[in-house]
Amino acid sequence: MDCNRYELSCGEESVRLNNKEFQLTELFLRHPHLVFSTSHLMEKVWGQDSEAEMDVVWTYIGFIRRKLRQLGSRAEIRTVRGAGYSLEENKC
């Protein structure tokens, strides 16, 4: 991840991330395999005083998942039912 250009790269491919995508991706990359709850992600990225709804987290997770697939990355954000999300390496 290029922190100066807000780009995520894999091999020769790269995609641009918007601010919230960047913040979420950075959090996952700094703490791979750690499970983050939706409320934790909401607090860290949008802030405690945000008026955004929790479903904004789900929407942005979807955006990042699509970009990871677009890059052909083996990394993926997995849903841990009842707990949250974690960044894992896809073994397939």
N, C-alpha and C. Protein backbone atom coordinates (compact mmCIF):
# COMPACT_ATOMS: atom_id res chain seq x y z
N MET A 1 0.85 -1.17 0.00
CA MET A 1 0.00 0.00 0.00
C MET A 1 0.90 1.23 0.00
N ASP A 2 0.62 2.14 -0.89
CA ASP A 2 1.34 3.40 -0.98
C ASP A 2 0.55 4.46 -0.19
N CYS A 3 1.08 4.81 0.98
CA CYS A 3 0.38 5.74 1.87
C CYS A 3 0.37 7.17 1.35
N ASN A 4 1.30 7.52 0.49
CA ASN A 4 1.35 8.87 -0.05
C ASN A 4 0.37 9.08 -1.20
N ARG A 5 0.12 8.01 -1.96
CA ARG A 5 -0.74 8.12 -3.13
C ARG A 5 -2.10 7.46 -2.95
N TYR A 6 -2.34 6.89 -1.75
CA TYR A 6 -3.60 6.20 -1.47
C TYR A 6 -3.88 5.11 -2.51
N GLU A 7 -2.84 4.33 -2.81
CA GLU A 7 -2.97 3.25 -3.78
C GLU A 7 -2.65 1.92 -3.12
N LEU A 8 -3.36 0.92 -3.59
CA LEU A 8 -3.13 -0.45 -3.16
C LEU A 8 -2.64 -1.21 -4.38
N SER A 9 -1.54 -1.94 -4.22
CA SER A 9 -0.94 -2.63 -5.36
C SER A 9 -0.76 -4.11 -5.07
N CYS A 10 -0.79 -4.87 -6.14
CA CYS A 10 -0.50 -6.30 -6.09
C CYS A 10 0.11 -6.65 -7.44
N GLY A 11 1.37 -7.06 -7.43
CA GLY A 11 2.06 -7.31 -8.69
C GLY A 11 2.17 -6.02 -9.47
N GLU A 12 1.77 -6.06 -10.72
CA GLU A 12 1.83 -4.87 -11.59
C GLU A 12 0.57 -4.02 -11.53
N GLU A 13 -0.46 -4.52 -10.87
CA GLU A 13 -1.75 -3.82 -10.82
C GLU A 13 -1.82 -2.92 -9.59
N SER A 14 -2.56 -1.81 -9.72
CA SER A 14 -2.81 -0.95 -8.57
C SER A 14 -4.18 -0.30 -8.71
N VAL A 15 -4.77 0.04 -7.58
CA VAL A 15 -6.06 0.73 -7.55
C VAL A 15 -5.96 1.87 -6.54
N ARG A 16 -6.71 2.88 -6.81
CA ARG A 16 -6.75 4.04 -5.93
C ARG A 16 -7.83 3.81 -4.87
N LEU A 17 -7.54 4.23 -3.64
CA LEU A 17 -8.49 4.11 -2.54
C LEU A 17 -8.97 5.50 -2.13
N ASN A 18 -10.24 5.61 -1.79
CA ASN A 18 -10.69 6.88 -1.23
C ASN A 18 -10.28 6.90 0.24
N ASN A 19 -10.53 7.98 0.93
CA ASN A 19 -10.05 8.17 2.29
C ASN A 19 -10.52 7.07 3.24
N LYS A 20 -11.80 6.76 3.25
CA LYS A 20 -12.33 5.74 4.17
C LYS A 20 -11.82 4.35 3.80
N GLU A 21 -11.76 4.03 2.52
CA GLU A 21 -11.19 2.75 2.09
C GLU A 21 -9.75 2.62 2.56
N PHE A 22 -9.01 3.71 2.41
CA PHE A 22 -7.60 3.72 2.84
C PHE A 22 -7.49 3.46 4.33
N GLN A 23 -8.28 4.16 5.12
CA GLN A 23 -8.22 3.99 6.58
C GLN A 23 -8.56 2.57 7.00
N LEU A 24 -9.60 2.01 6.42
CA LEU A 24 -9.97 0.62 6.74
C LEU A 24 -8.87 -0.35 6.32
N THR A 25 -8.37 -0.19 5.10
CA THR A 25 -7.34 -1.09 4.58
C THR A 25 -6.08 -1.01 5.43
N GLU A 26 -5.69 0.19 5.80
CA GLU A 26 -4.51 0.37 6.63
C GLU A 26 -4.67 -0.35 7.98
N LEU A 27 -5.83 -0.24 8.58
CA LEU A 27 -6.10 -0.90 9.85
C LEU A 27 -5.97 -2.42 9.70
N PHE A 28 -6.57 -2.97 8.64
CA PHE A 28 -6.49 -4.41 8.41
C PHE A 28 -5.05 -4.86 8.13
N LEU A 29 -4.32 -4.08 7.33
CA LEU A 29 -2.94 -4.45 6.98
C LEU A 29 -2.01 -4.38 8.19
N ARG A 30 -2.26 -3.45 9.07
CA ARG A 30 -1.42 -3.33 10.27
C ARG A 30 -1.70 -4.44 11.27
N HIS A 31 -2.88 -5.05 11.18
CA HIS A 31 -3.28 -6.07 12.15
C HIS A 31 -3.92 -7.28 11.43
N PRO A 32 -3.15 -7.98 10.58
CA PRO A 32 -3.73 -9.12 9.88
C PRO A 32 -4.18 -10.20 10.87
N HIS A 33 -5.22 -10.89 10.54
CA HIS A 33 -5.81 -11.99 11.32
C HIS A 33 -6.57 -11.51 12.57
N LEU A 34 -6.45 -10.24 12.92
CA LEU A 34 -7.19 -9.73 14.07
C LEU A 34 -8.62 -9.45 13.63
N VAL A 35 -9.58 -9.83 14.45
CA VAL A 35 -11.00 -9.63 14.11
C VAL A 35 -11.45 -8.29 14.69
N PHE A 36 -11.98 -7.45 13.80
CA PHE A 36 -12.50 -6.14 14.19
C PHE A 36 -14.02 -6.16 14.10
N SER A 37 -14.67 -5.73 15.17
CA SER A 37 -16.14 -5.63 15.13
C SER A 37 -16.55 -4.45 14.27
N THR A 38 -17.77 -4.49 13.80
CA THR A 38 -18.31 -3.39 13.01
C THR A 38 -18.28 -2.10 13.81
N SER A 39 -18.63 -2.17 15.09
CA SER A 39 -18.64 -0.96 15.92
C SER A 39 -17.23 -0.41 16.12
N HIS A 40 -16.23 -1.28 16.24
CA HIS A 40 -14.85 -0.82 16.37
C HIS A 40 -14.40 -0.11 15.09
N LEU A 41 -14.71 -0.71 13.94
CA LEU A 41 -14.34 -0.08 12.66
C LEU A 41 -15.05 1.25 12.50
N MET A 42 -16.29 1.29 12.89
CA MET A 42 -17.08 2.53 12.81
C MET A 42 -16.42 3.63 13.65
N GLU A 43 -16.04 3.28 14.86
CA GLU A 43 -15.43 4.25 15.77
C GLU A 43 -14.06 4.72 15.26
N LYS A 44 -13.24 3.79 14.79
CA LYS A 44 -11.88 4.13 14.35
C LYS A 44 -11.86 4.95 13.06
N VAL A 45 -12.74 4.64 12.13
CA VAL A 45 -12.69 5.28 10.82
C VAL A 45 -13.66 6.46 10.71
N TRP A 46 -14.86 6.32 11.22
CA TRP A 46 -15.85 7.39 11.10
C TRP A 46 -15.91 8.27 12.34
N GLY A 47 -15.46 7.76 13.48
CA GLY A 47 -15.45 8.52 14.72
C GLY A 47 -16.69 8.32 15.55
N GLN A 48 -16.56 8.56 16.83
CA GLN A 48 -17.66 8.36 17.77
C GLN A 48 -18.85 9.28 17.51
N ASP A 49 -18.57 10.45 17.02
CA ASP A 49 -19.63 11.45 16.84
C ASP A 49 -20.28 11.39 15.46
N SER A 50 -19.90 10.40 14.68
CA SER A 50 -20.43 10.31 13.32
C SER A 50 -21.92 9.99 13.34
N GLU A 51 -22.62 10.57 12.40
CA GLU A 51 -24.04 10.28 12.25
C GLU A 51 -24.29 9.18 11.23
N ALA A 52 -23.21 8.62 10.68
CA ALA A 52 -23.34 7.54 9.70
C ALA A 52 -23.91 6.29 10.37
N GLU A 53 -24.63 5.51 9.60
CA GLU A 53 -25.21 4.26 10.09
C GLU A 53 -24.18 3.14 9.98
N MET A 54 -24.36 2.09 10.75
CA MET A 54 -23.42 0.95 10.76
C MET A 54 -23.28 0.31 9.38
N ASP A 55 -24.33 0.36 8.57
CA ASP A 55 -24.24 -0.30 7.27
C ASP A 55 -23.22 0.35 6.34
N VAL A 56 -22.74 1.56 6.68
CA VAL A 56 -21.69 2.18 5.87
C VAL A 56 -20.41 1.34 5.96
N VAL A 57 -20.16 0.71 7.09
CA VAL A 57 -19.00 -0.17 7.24
C VAL A 57 -19.12 -1.33 6.27
N TRP A 58 -20.28 -1.96 6.22
CA TRP A 58 -20.50 -3.10 5.33
C TRP A 58 -20.29 -2.69 3.88
N THR A 59 -20.76 -1.50 3.53
CA THR A 59 -20.62 -1.00 2.17
C THR A 59 -19.14 -0.83 1.81
N TYR A 60 -18.38 -0.23 2.69
CA TYR A 60 -16.96 0.00 2.41
C TYR A 60 -16.15 -1.29 2.43
N ILE A 61 -16.53 -2.24 3.26
CA ILE A 61 -15.88 -3.56 3.22
C ILE A 61 -16.09 -4.16 1.83
N GLY A 62 -17.29 -4.02 1.30
CA GLY A 62 -17.59 -4.51 -0.05
C GLY A 62 -16.73 -3.83 -1.11
N PHE A 63 -16.55 -2.52 -0.99
CA PHE A 63 -15.70 -1.79 -1.94
C PHE A 63 -14.27 -2.33 -1.91
N ILE A 64 -13.73 -2.53 -0.70
CA ILE A 64 -12.35 -3.02 -0.57
C ILE A 64 -12.24 -4.44 -1.09
N ARG A 65 -13.21 -5.28 -0.80
CA ARG A 65 -13.19 -6.67 -1.31
C ARG A 65 -13.12 -6.67 -2.84
N ARG A 66 -13.92 -5.84 -3.47
CA ARG A 66 -13.92 -5.77 -4.94
C ARG A 66 -12.55 -5.33 -5.46
N LYS A 67 -11.95 -4.37 -4.81
CA LYS A 67 -10.64 -3.88 -5.25
C LYS A 67 -9.56 -4.94 -5.05
N LEU A 68 -9.63 -5.68 -3.97
CA LEU A 68 -8.67 -6.77 -3.76
C LEU A 68 -8.81 -7.83 -4.84
N ARG A 69 -10.06 -8.17 -5.19
CA ARG A 69 -10.28 -9.14 -6.27
C ARG A 69 -9.80 -8.59 -7.61
N GLN A 70 -10.05 -7.32 -7.86
CA GLN A 70 -9.62 -6.67 -9.10
C GLN A 70 -8.11 -6.76 -9.25
N LEU A 71 -7.39 -6.65 -8.15
CA LEU A 71 -5.93 -6.73 -8.17
C LEU A 71 -5.41 -8.16 -8.29
N GLY A 72 -6.29 -9.13 -8.07
CA GLY A 72 -5.85 -10.53 -8.07
C GLY A 72 -5.10 -10.88 -6.80
N SER A 73 -5.37 -10.15 -5.73
CA SER A 73 -4.68 -10.36 -4.46
C SER A 73 -5.15 -11.65 -3.79
N ARG A 74 -4.23 -12.27 -3.07
CA ARG A 74 -4.60 -13.45 -2.28
C ARG A 74 -5.15 -13.03 -0.92
N ALA A 75 -5.04 -11.76 -0.59
CA ALA A 75 -5.60 -11.25 0.66
C ALA A 75 -7.10 -11.02 0.48
N GLU A 76 -7.84 -11.29 1.52
CA GLU A 76 -9.27 -11.03 1.48
C GLU A 76 -9.77 -10.68 2.87
N ILE A 77 -10.82 -9.89 2.91
CA ILE A 77 -11.46 -9.55 4.17
C ILE A 77 -12.57 -10.57 4.39
N ARG A 78 -12.42 -11.33 5.44
CA ARG A 78 -13.40 -12.38 5.75
C ARG A 78 -14.34 -11.93 6.85
N THR A 79 -15.57 -12.37 6.72
CA THR A 79 -16.56 -12.13 7.76
C THR A 79 -16.46 -13.24 8.78
N VAL A 80 -16.35 -12.86 10.04
CA VAL A 80 -16.36 -13.81 11.14
C VAL A 80 -17.73 -13.65 11.79
N ARG A 81 -18.61 -14.60 11.51
CA ARG A 81 -20.01 -14.49 11.92
C ARG A 81 -20.14 -14.16 13.41
N GLY A 82 -20.88 -13.10 13.68
CA GLY A 82 -21.14 -12.68 15.05
C GLY A 82 -20.00 -11.93 15.71
N ALA A 83 -18.88 -11.75 14.99
CA ALA A 83 -17.72 -11.09 15.60
C ALA A 83 -17.24 -9.88 14.81
N GLY A 84 -17.15 -9.99 13.49
CA GLY A 84 -16.67 -8.87 12.69
C GLY A 84 -15.94 -9.30 11.45
N TYR A 85 -14.81 -8.66 11.19
CA TYR A 85 -14.06 -8.87 9.95
C TYR A 85 -12.57 -9.01 10.25
N SER A 86 -11.89 -9.79 9.42
CA SER A 86 -10.43 -9.92 9.54
C SER A 86 -9.81 -10.05 8.15
N LEU A 87 -8.56 -9.63 8.05
CA LEU A 87 -7.82 -9.75 6.80
C LEU A 87 -7.08 -11.09 6.84
N GLU A 88 -7.33 -11.92 5.86
CA GLU A 88 -6.73 -13.26 5.80
C GLU A 88 -6.15 -13.49 4.41
N GLU A 89 -5.25 -14.43 4.32
CA GLU A 89 -4.69 -14.84 3.03
C GLU A 89 -5.51 -16.00 2.51
N ASN A 90 -5.97 -15.88 1.29
CA ASN A 90 -6.72 -16.94 0.64
C ASN A 90 -5.73 -17.98 0.14
N LYS A 91 -5.81 -19.19 0.63
CA LYS A 91 -4.85 -20.26 0.30
C LYS A 91 -5.11 -20.85 -1.09
N CYS A 92 -6.29 -20.64 -1.64
CA CYS A 92 -6.63 -21.26 -2.94
C CYS A 92 -6.00 -20.54 -4.09
